[in-house]
Protein backbone atom coordinates (compact mmCIF):
# COMPACT_ATOMS: atom_id res chain seq x y z
CA MET A 1 42.65 13.18 -22.47
CA GLU A 2 45.71 12.33 -24.45
CA LEU A 3 48.64 15.01 -24.51
CA LYS A 4 50.68 15.78 -27.24
CA ARG A 5 54.85 15.47 -26.74
CA LYS A 6 57.29 16.54 -28.62
CA ILE A 7 59.47 13.72 -27.64
CA TYR A 8 57.34 11.34 -29.57
CA ALA A 9 58.99 12.81 -32.62
CA LYS A 10 62.56 11.70 -31.22
CA LEU A 11 61.03 8.36 -30.69
CA LEU A 12 60.28 8.03 -34.27
CA GLU A 13 63.84 9.55 -35.27
CA TRP A 14 65.53 6.99 -33.27
CA LYS A 15 63.22 3.87 -34.94
CA GLU A 16 64.38 5.21 -38.17
CA THR A 17 67.58 5.75 -37.98
CA MET A 18 69.01 4.34 -34.89
CA SER A 19 67.38 1.10 -33.60
CA LYS A 20 69.23 -1.45 -35.29
CA ASP A 21 72.47 -0.19 -33.51
CA TYR A 22 71.29 1.40 -30.32
CA ALA A 23 68.92 1.22 -27.56
CA LEU A 24 67.36 4.25 -26.35
CA MET A 25 67.50 5.64 -22.78
CA ILE A 26 64.47 7.87 -21.61
CA GLU A 27 65.53 9.96 -18.33
CA GLY A 28 62.81 12.01 -16.70
CA ALA A 29 61.19 12.78 -13.41
CA ARG A 30 58.71 10.34 -11.88
CA ARG A 31 55.19 11.05 -13.51
CA ILE A 32 56.51 12.97 -16.40
CA GLY A 33 54.68 10.80 -18.65
CA LYS A 34 57.49 8.44 -20.33
CA SER A 35 55.40 5.24 -19.94
CA THR A 36 52.50 6.83 -21.11
CA ILE A 37 54.39 7.99 -24.66
CA VAL A 38 56.62 4.59 -24.85
CA GLU A 39 53.77 2.71 -24.62
CA LYS A 40 51.97 4.89 -27.20
CA PHE A 41 55.08 4.66 -29.46
CA ALA A 42 54.85 0.96 -29.05
CA LYS A 43 51.32 0.46 -30.02
CA ASN A 44 51.83 2.67 -32.78
CA ASN A 45 54.94 1.36 -34.79
CA TYR A 46 55.76 -2.20 -33.56
CA LYS A 47 53.75 -5.23 -34.23
CA SER A 48 54.15 -6.61 -30.58
CA TYR A 49 55.84 -4.58 -27.96
CA VAL A 50 56.76 -6.23 -24.01
CA ILE A 51 56.56 -3.32 -21.34
CA ILE A 52 59.11 -4.88 -18.43
CA ASP A 53 58.37 -2.42 -15.33
CA PHE A 54 60.84 -3.63 -12.63
CA ALA A 55 59.27 -1.27 -10.21
CA ILE A 56 56.79 -4.63 -9.78
CA ALA A 57 58.94 -7.18 -12.12
CA SER A 58 58.62 -11.00 -10.37
CA LYS A 59 61.91 -12.79 -8.90
CA LYS A 60 61.51 -15.22 -12.16
CA VAL A 61 61.57 -11.78 -14.40
CA LYS A 62 64.94 -10.94 -12.77
CA ASP A 63 66.47 -14.34 -12.53
CA ASN A 64 65.77 -14.48 -16.25
CA PHE A 65 68.62 -12.21 -16.84
CA THR A 66 71.28 -14.96 -15.88
CA ASN A 67 70.42 -16.33 -19.12
CA LEU A 68 72.36 -14.01 -21.26
CA ASN A 69 74.60 -16.43 -22.55
CA LYS A 70 71.39 -18.58 -23.92
CA LEU A 71 69.31 -15.89 -25.56
CA ASP A 72 66.91 -18.01 -27.16
CA VAL A 73 65.81 -18.89 -23.69
CA PHE A 74 66.07 -15.47 -22.24
CA PHE A 75 63.62 -14.19 -24.99
CA GLN A 76 61.19 -17.45 -24.89
CA ASN A 77 60.86 -16.66 -20.89
CA ILE A 78 59.72 -13.46 -21.87
CA SER A 79 57.02 -14.37 -24.33
CA LEU A 80 55.79 -16.78 -22.24
CA GLU A 81 55.31 -14.57 -18.78
CA TYR A 82 54.22 -11.67 -21.07
CA ASN A 83 52.37 -13.76 -23.14
CA VAL A 84 53.83 -11.58 -26.18
CA GLU A 85 54.42 -13.15 -29.79
CA LEU A 86 57.92 -11.75 -29.91
CA ILE A 87 58.99 -11.21 -33.85
CA LYS A 88 62.03 -10.30 -35.55
CA ASN A 89 62.54 -6.73 -36.23
CA GLU A 90 59.35 -6.00 -35.31
CA THR A 91 59.08 -6.30 -31.46
CA LEU A 92 60.01 -3.53 -28.95
CA ILE A 93 61.17 -4.65 -25.58
CA VAL A 94 60.74 -1.61 -22.63
CA PHE A 95 62.60 -1.44 -19.67
CA ASP A 96 60.33 0.30 -17.78
CA GLU A 97 62.22 2.08 -14.10
CA VAL A 98 65.42 0.15 -15.30
CA GLN A 99 67.25 2.27 -12.52
CA LYS A 100 65.85 -0.62 -9.97
CA PHE A 101 67.44 -3.29 -11.92
CA PRO A 102 70.77 -2.10 -13.02
CA LYS A 103 71.56 -5.57 -14.32
CA ALA A 104 69.33 -4.80 -17.27
CA ARG A 105 70.64 -1.66 -18.52
CA GLU A 106 73.56 -3.68 -18.57
CA ALA A 107 72.60 -6.57 -20.46
CA ILE A 108 71.67 -3.56 -23.26
CA LYS A 109 75.13 -4.56 -24.77
CA TYR A 110 74.77 -8.27 -25.53
CA LEU A 111 70.69 -7.50 -26.80
CA VAL A 112 71.52 -4.85 -29.20
CA LYS A 113 74.33 -7.13 -30.41
CA ASP A 114 72.16 -9.89 -30.75
CA GLY A 115 69.91 -7.55 -33.27
CA ARG A 116 66.19 -9.36 -33.00
CA TYR A 117 64.49 -6.76 -31.24
CA SER A 118 64.70 -3.24 -30.41
CA TYR A 119 64.88 -1.71 -27.01
CA ILE A 120 64.01 1.56 -24.89
CA GLU A 121 64.77 1.88 -21.46
CA THR A 122 63.23 4.90 -18.79
CA GLY A 123 64.23 5.55 -15.73
CA SER A 124 65.32 8.29 -13.25
CA LEU A 125 68.28 8.64 -11.36
CA ILE A 126 70.18 6.72 -13.25
CA SER A 127 73.52 8.32 -12.73
CA ILE A 128 73.59 8.06 -8.98
CA LYS A 129 76.27 6.24 -7.77
CA GLU A 130 73.88 3.08 -6.20
CA ASN A 131 72.39 2.79 -9.53
CA VAL A 132 75.42 2.01 -11.64
CA ASP A 133 77.74 0.30 -9.06
CA ASP A 134 79.05 -3.09 -10.31
CA ILE A 135 77.69 -2.34 -13.83
CA VAL A 136 79.22 -1.83 -17.09
CA ILE A 137 77.70 0.98 -18.23
CA PRO A 138 76.55 -0.05 -22.27
CA SER A 139 77.67 2.24 -25.24
CA GLU A 140 75.40 0.75 -27.26
CA GLU A 141 72.42 3.50 -25.61
CA LYS A 142 71.35 7.01 -26.55
CA ASN A 143 70.22 8.91 -24.03
CA ILE A 144 67.49 11.83 -23.95
CA LYS A 145 65.77 13.71 -21.22
CA MET A 146 62.08 14.20 -21.16
CA TYR A 147 60.74 17.52 -19.34
CA PRO A 148 57.26 18.26 -18.03
CA LEU A 149 55.12 19.73 -20.56
CA ASP A 150 56.44 22.93 -21.82
CA PHE A 151 54.24 25.85 -22.79
CA GLU A 152 54.03 25.10 -26.43
CA GLU A 153 52.29 21.66 -25.65
CA PHE A 154 50.20 23.36 -22.55
CA LEU A 155 48.89 25.82 -25.63
CA TRP A 156 48.39 22.26 -27.49
CA ALA A 157 46.36 20.61 -24.64
CA ALA A 158 43.98 23.81 -24.45
CA ASN A 159 43.63 23.90 -27.77
CA GLU A 160 45.11 27.35 -28.73
CA ASN A 161 46.91 26.37 -32.22
CA VAL A 162 45.38 29.68 -33.50
CA LEU A 163 46.84 31.63 -31.04
CA LEU A 164 50.14 29.65 -30.84
CA ASN A 165 50.53 30.41 -34.44
CA TYR A 166 50.33 34.32 -34.20
CA ILE A 167 52.80 34.12 -31.55
CA VAL A 168 55.47 32.41 -33.39
CA ASN A 169 54.90 34.55 -36.62
CA CYS A 170 55.08 37.87 -34.31
CA ILE A 171 58.33 36.36 -32.87
CA ASN A 172 59.75 35.86 -36.76
CA GLU A 173 58.59 39.02 -37.75
CA LYS A 174 60.19 40.65 -34.79
CA LYS A 175 57.03 42.42 -33.66
CA ALA A 176 54.53 42.43 -30.40
CA LEU A 177 51.25 40.82 -30.45
CA ASP A 178 47.93 43.15 -30.66
CA ASP A 179 46.83 44.16 -27.01
CA LYS A 180 44.19 41.64 -27.10
CA TYR A 181 45.89 38.29 -28.12
CA HIS A 182 48.34 39.68 -25.51
CA LEU A 183 46.53 39.85 -22.62
CA ASP A 184 45.11 36.02 -23.92
CA ALA A 185 48.70 34.52 -24.50
CA MET A 186 49.65 36.40 -20.64
CA ARG A 187 46.65 34.72 -19.25
CA LEU A 188 47.51 31.20 -20.50
CA PHE A 189 51.04 31.83 -19.44
CA LYS A 190 49.70 32.76 -16.24
CA GLU A 191 47.69 29.22 -16.01
CA TYR A 192 50.64 27.25 -17.34
CA MET A 193 52.71 28.62 -14.33
CA ILE A 194 49.82 27.99 -12.13
CA VAL A 195 49.19 24.27 -13.36
CA GLY A 196 52.60 23.49 -14.39
CA GLY A 197 53.85 20.46 -17.02
CA MET A 198 53.03 17.47 -15.08
CA PRO A 199 50.48 15.59 -16.91
CA GLN A 200 48.40 14.29 -14.48
CA SER A 201 48.22 18.00 -13.42
CA VAL A 202 47.16 19.31 -16.82
CA VAL A 203 44.75 16.44 -17.76
CA ALA A 204 43.04 16.92 -14.38
CA TYR A 205 43.18 21.17 -15.02
CA PHE A 206 41.50 20.66 -18.36
CA GLU A 207 38.87 17.60 -17.90
CA ASN A 208 37.59 19.53 -14.79
CA GLY A 209 36.93 22.58 -16.75
CA ARG A 210 40.18 24.48 -15.92
CA ASP A 211 39.69 23.95 -12.03
CA PHE A 212 43.39 24.68 -10.24
CA TYR A 213 42.03 23.30 -7.54
CA LYS A 214 41.87 19.63 -9.19
CA ALA A 215 45.53 20.42 -10.37
CA ASP A 216 46.28 21.26 -7.14
CA ILE A 217 45.10 17.29 -5.64
CA ALA A 218 47.29 15.86 -8.70
CA LYS A 219 50.63 18.09 -7.87
CA ARG A 220 50.13 17.24 -4.28
CA GLU A 221 49.76 13.56 -5.16
CA ILE A 222 53.21 13.90 -7.18
CA LEU A 223 54.64 15.94 -4.43
CA SER A 224 54.01 12.87 -1.62
CA LEU A 225 55.48 10.71 -4.18
CA TYR A 226 58.71 12.48 -4.83
CA LYS A 227 59.26 12.94 -0.92
CA ASP A 228 58.95 9.08 -0.36
CA ASP A 229 61.32 9.06 -3.29
CA ILE A 230 64.02 11.05 -1.57
CA ASN A 231 63.25 8.69 1.95
CA LYS A 232 63.78 5.54 0.30
CA ALA A 233 66.28 6.19 -2.54
CA ALA A 234 69.10 8.49 -0.81
CA LYS A 235 69.95 6.29 1.33
CA ARG A 236 72.99 7.59 2.82
CA TYR A 237 71.92 10.96 2.89
CA ASN A 238 68.14 11.18 3.02
CA SER A 239 68.41 13.78 5.46
CA LYS A 240 70.07 16.07 3.59
CA VAL A 241 68.07 15.60 0.42
CA SER A 242 65.43 16.14 2.35
CA ALA A 243 66.33 19.30 4.20
CA ILE A 244 67.14 21.05 1.09
CA PHE A 245 63.81 19.78 -0.95
CA ASP A 246 61.52 21.22 1.92
CA ASN A 247 63.78 24.55 2.09
CA ILE A 248 63.26 25.42 -1.58
CA PRO A 249 60.56 27.68 -1.80
CA GLY A 250 62.34 29.22 1.21
CA TYR A 251 65.19 29.52 -0.57
CA LEU A 252 63.90 31.07 -4.01
CA SER A 253 61.94 33.65 -1.45
CA THR A 254 64.95 35.29 -0.61
CA HIS A 255 66.41 38.22 -2.90
CA GLU A 256 69.74 36.17 -4.40
CA LYS A 257 67.52 32.80 -3.88
CA LYS A 258 70.82 31.00 -3.45
CA VAL A 259 70.85 27.60 -1.19
CA VAL A 260 72.46 28.79 2.31
CA LEU A 261 73.30 25.73 3.91
CA ASN A 262 73.84 27.11 7.55
CA LYS A 263 70.19 27.77 7.38
CA ILE A 264 69.29 23.70 7.67
CA ASP A 265 72.93 22.97 9.12
CA GLU A 266 74.69 25.00 11.51
CA LYS A 267 78.02 23.09 10.18
CA GLY A 268 76.76 22.97 6.78
CA TYR A 269 79.29 23.02 4.13
CA PHE A 270 78.93 22.24 0.59
CA SER A 271 81.36 19.08 0.47
CA LYS A 272 78.78 17.52 2.72
CA TYR A 273 76.12 18.27 0.42
CA ASP A 274 77.56 17.79 -3.07
CA GLU A 275 75.99 14.07 -3.22
CA PRO A 276 72.51 15.13 -1.97
CA LEU A 277 72.60 18.56 -4.52
CA PHE A 278 73.58 16.17 -7.09
CA TRP A 279 70.86 13.59 -5.90
CA LEU A 280 68.01 16.09 -6.72
CA ASP A 281 69.57 17.18 -10.00
CA ASP A 282 69.81 13.89 -11.38
CA SER A 283 66.81 13.06 -10.49
CA MET A 284 65.14 15.80 -12.46
CA ILE A 285 63.18 17.20 -9.57
CA CYS A 286 65.35 20.01 -9.71
CA ASN A 287 67.64 21.94 -11.51
CA LEU A 288 70.78 23.20 -10.24
CA CYS A 289 72.01 26.96 -11.21
CA TYR A 290 75.49 27.80 -10.47
CA ARG A 291 77.07 31.20 -9.99
CA CYS A 292 79.94 31.93 -13.23
CA ASN A 293 82.61 33.77 -11.66
CA ASP A 294 84.41 34.94 -15.08
CA PRO A 295 81.47 34.22 -18.43
CA ASN A 296 84.50 35.68 -20.66
CA VAL A 297 86.15 32.23 -20.81
CA GLY A 298 83.41 29.89 -20.34
CA PHE A 299 80.67 28.50 -18.02
CA ALA A 300 81.41 25.59 -16.97
CA LEU A 301 85.19 26.73 -16.14
CA ASN A 302 84.44 29.18 -13.58
CA LYS A 303 81.66 27.67 -11.96
CA ASP A 304 81.54 28.34 -8.63
CA ASP A 305 80.17 25.33 -6.58
CA SER A 306 79.61 26.63 -3.32
CA ALA A 307 77.12 29.51 -4.96
CA VAL A 308 74.12 27.71 -5.87
CA LYS A 309 70.29 28.33 -6.91
CA CYS A 310 67.84 25.25 -6.74
CA TYR A 311 64.90 25.43 -8.98
CA MET A 312 62.27 22.95 -8.73
CA GLY A 313 62.19 21.05 -12.43
CA ASP A 314 58.24 21.99 -13.03
CA THR A 315 56.80 25.47 -11.56
CA GLY A 316 53.34 24.09 -10.65
CA LEU A 317 54.80 21.90 -8.96
CA LEU A 318 56.60 24.85 -6.91
CA ILE A 319 53.27 26.71 -6.05
CA SER A 320 51.86 23.66 -4.40
CA HIS A 321 54.89 22.92 -2.81
CA THR A 322 55.46 26.68 -1.44
CA PHE A 323 51.49 27.13 -0.16
CA SER A 324 49.39 24.75 1.95
CA GLU A 325 45.96 24.47 0.55
CA ASN A 326 44.63 26.58 3.16
CA GLU A 327 46.69 29.29 2.15
CA ILE A 328 45.45 28.96 -1.53
CA LEU A 329 42.08 29.22 -0.40
CA SER A 330 42.17 31.35 2.01
CA ASN A 331 44.67 34.10 0.26
CA LEU A 332 42.66 33.87 -3.07
CA LEU A 333 46.22 32.77 -4.44
CA TYR A 334 45.16 32.06 -7.99
CA LYS A 335 43.06 35.14 -8.11
CA SER A 336 46.19 37.00 -7.23
CA ILE A 337 48.44 35.39 -9.85
CA MET A 338 45.92 35.39 -12.44
CA ASN A 339 44.99 39.16 -11.79
CA GLY A 340 48.91 39.82 -11.65
CA LYS A 341 48.39 41.14 -7.87
CA LEU A 342 50.34 38.63 -5.74
CA SER A 343 52.59 40.80 -3.11
CA ILE A 344 55.20 38.10 -2.20
CA ASN A 345 56.62 35.36 -4.21
CA GLN A 346 55.41 36.58 -7.82
CA GLY A 347 59.05 36.81 -8.39
CA MET A 348 60.52 33.54 -7.56
CA PHE A 349 57.65 31.70 -9.87
CA TYR A 350 58.51 33.74 -13.05
CA GLU A 351 62.17 33.10 -12.44
CA ASN A 352 61.48 29.44 -11.75
CA VAL A 353 59.60 28.83 -14.94
CA ILE A 354 62.41 30.94 -17.10
CA SER A 355 64.78 28.33 -15.64
CA GLN A 356 62.57 25.53 -16.39
CA MET A 357 62.58 27.02 -20.19
CA ILE A 358 66.03 26.98 -20.40
CA ALA A 359 66.73 23.57 -18.64
CA SER A 360 64.41 22.17 -20.91
CA THR A 361 66.37 22.97 -24.24
CA GLY A 362 69.37 20.55 -22.73
CA ARG A 363 71.59 23.85 -21.17
CA LYS A 364 73.02 24.03 -17.79
CA LEU A 365 71.87 26.77 -15.44
CA TYR A 366 74.28 29.57 -14.69
CA PHE A 367 73.87 32.97 -13.40
CA TYR A 368 76.21 35.82 -12.55
CA THR A 369 76.88 38.51 -9.50
CA HIS A 370 79.29 41.06 -8.86
CA TYR A 371 79.83 42.06 -5.11
CA SER A 372 80.98 46.14 -5.02
CA ASN A 373 83.10 46.66 -1.60
CA GLU A 374 82.20 50.14 -2.28
CA LYS A 375 78.99 49.47 -1.59
CA HIS A 376 78.75 46.75 0.30
CA ARG A 377 76.29 44.36 -1.92
CA ASN A 378 75.91 42.93 -5.07
CA ASP A 379 75.67 45.63 -7.89
CA ILE A 380 75.29 43.28 -10.39
CA GLU A 381 72.81 40.27 -10.55
CA ILE A 382 71.98 38.29 -13.89
CA ASP A 383 69.31 36.02 -13.38
CA PHE A 384 70.67 33.52 -16.20
CA LEU A 385 73.37 33.23 -18.45
CA ILE A 386 73.22 31.33 -21.62
CA SER A 387 76.03 30.75 -24.43
CA ASN A 388 76.64 30.04 -28.21
CA ASP A 389 78.38 27.41 -27.30
CA SER A 390 81.47 28.51 -29.08
CA LYS A 391 84.77 27.08 -27.91
CA THR A 392 86.85 29.94 -29.21
CA ASN A 393 84.21 33.17 -29.85
CA ILE A 394 82.51 32.66 -26.68
CA LYS A 395 79.49 35.17 -26.93
CA VAL A 396 77.14 35.74 -24.13
CA PHE A 397 73.24 35.91 -23.39
CA PRO A 398 72.16 37.33 -20.00
CA VAL A 399 68.41 37.16 -19.09
CA GLU A 400 67.11 39.16 -16.59
CA VAL A 401 63.21 38.04 -15.25
CA LYS A 402 60.68 40.82 -14.11
CA SER A 403 57.51 40.07 -12.45
CA SER A 404 56.57 43.76 -12.31
CA LYS A 405 55.91 46.03 -15.45
CA ASN A 406 58.17 48.87 -13.13
CA TYR A 407 61.83 47.71 -13.06
CA THR A 408 65.27 49.06 -13.67
CA ASN A 409 68.02 47.81 -15.91
CA ILE A 410 71.05 48.92 -13.95
CA SER A 411 72.66 45.44 -13.29
CA TYR A 412 72.60 44.67 -17.08
CA SER A 413 74.10 48.32 -17.68
CA LEU A 414 76.91 47.74 -15.28
CA PHE A 415 77.04 43.98 -16.66
CA LYS A 416 77.36 45.35 -20.06
CA ASN A 417 80.45 47.80 -19.23
CA ARG A 418 82.52 44.52 -17.83
CA PHE A 419 81.76 42.18 -20.74
CA GLY A 420 80.72 44.30 -23.61
CA LYS A 421 82.61 42.39 -26.21
CA ARG A 422 80.88 39.00 -25.40
CA ILE A 423 77.39 40.15 -25.11
CA ALA A 424 75.40 38.70 -28.50
CA GLU A 425 72.35 39.76 -27.62
CA SER A 426 70.35 40.62 -23.88
CA PHE A 427 66.95 39.17 -22.84
CA ILE A 428 64.67 41.14 -20.47
CA VAL A 429 61.70 38.84 -19.48
CA HIS A 430 58.47 40.78 -18.66
CA PRO A 431 55.19 40.73 -18.38
CA LYS A 432 54.80 43.95 -21.06
CA GLN A 433 54.64 43.78 -24.97
CA TYR A 434 57.65 42.71 -27.08
CA SER A 435 60.16 45.38 -28.10
CA TYR A 436 63.60 45.91 -29.10
CA ASP A 437 66.41 48.56 -28.77
CA ALA A 438 69.66 49.18 -28.14
CA SER A 439 69.91 47.66 -24.52
CA GLY A 440 68.56 44.73 -25.97
CA TYR A 441 64.93 42.19 -26.23
CA ARG A 442 62.47 42.83 -23.91
CA VAL A 443 59.69 40.44 -24.39
CA PRO A 444 56.85 38.64 -22.74
CA PRO A 445 57.48 35.54 -20.69
CA TYR A 446 55.25 33.27 -23.55
CA MET A 447 57.27 34.34 -26.53
CA PHE A 448 60.51 33.40 -24.30
CA PRO A 449 60.52 29.46 -24.63
CA PHE A 450 60.51 30.20 -28.74
CA ILE A 451 62.93 32.57 -28.78
CA ILE A 452 65.48 30.32 -26.81
CA LYS A 453 65.48 27.52 -29.38
CA GLN A 454 66.79 30.10 -32.03
């Protein structure tokens, strides 16, 4: 089964407009589909291509990078080693898993300047200190990030183009779907939440007649790979990375969903854990969400590094990370999620999938809370904040996520009283139909990823 991915259009745009002056760096978590999409692109758009996978490249291949002052020899060695004819202006050379051999990344400066061929790099953890030590990051490199399949790509895989077009039309016309189609769309959203967007999981699901258990097997293989990466790659602080990763379901199942370090380390404080958190963020295994103390003057300027939520980069992986195989079978987990009757954890899965949708647009994640001394608790809790990115006229879009059809809207009312002049529109993401009134938009989760792009 071949999956249609949106990033393919970005590769075409790079080839047409920038490939002569810049290499393209594709960042993404392991098993996100980077190598697959690049090979497909290479086959379709170049007369020849070479993929140098630095996870398995021989010493001879790596030693060849000492020949950068003799590029004719350098390219001849690549041609001979991979048995590929290199054709001027018609060959793509791919440095796969480039983080495993940073010298290849540094070489991009000279290779692009030479101008004979085009270059794509793929990797994860490309900003981690040990992967950039002792190299000069080339300015001749354009970066794009690749994420799990989004909901629209999942609908493509499910051959639900008619329903997809109907959803988009209803959003443009600002109206709800007919009840039957709303139920169909909610069913597909729940499938997406369970299966996730990792290509192996999606393929396993659809190729086996929509089998959640086959998808779960694929997801557990990926989780095992991630844990192995943590043990190998985060050399100086792997125990801290591992501790945070293992505790993500526990953090997200609490009311505040924040990372609480003293649960894993009695003397835990954030200055000791900034690098482990950065590792998880840079690996794109996780999406970090920081508290913004004052939305009036910009999110990043008022980021509170000591208050952070750690969402999984893929919600399907989060579900498999949260429950063992036995729990899934014995508790009829999938049935409960599909029927909307999961008594615990459902809220954290909804919130995680919305975090995933926001992060996939390239936005940083922020939330807001306000502690009331009078009430001795938080009286305002806004799950996510989105801005219009203006430097002079900041507008805020608060987003609250509700997994139940019954909820109150007290937090937003109090937030509006404090920051009313800054609020453009508000969004409540809930399982009910689309509606709009003076308090803002109420949208079902299957509409949210299309709305956020607007």
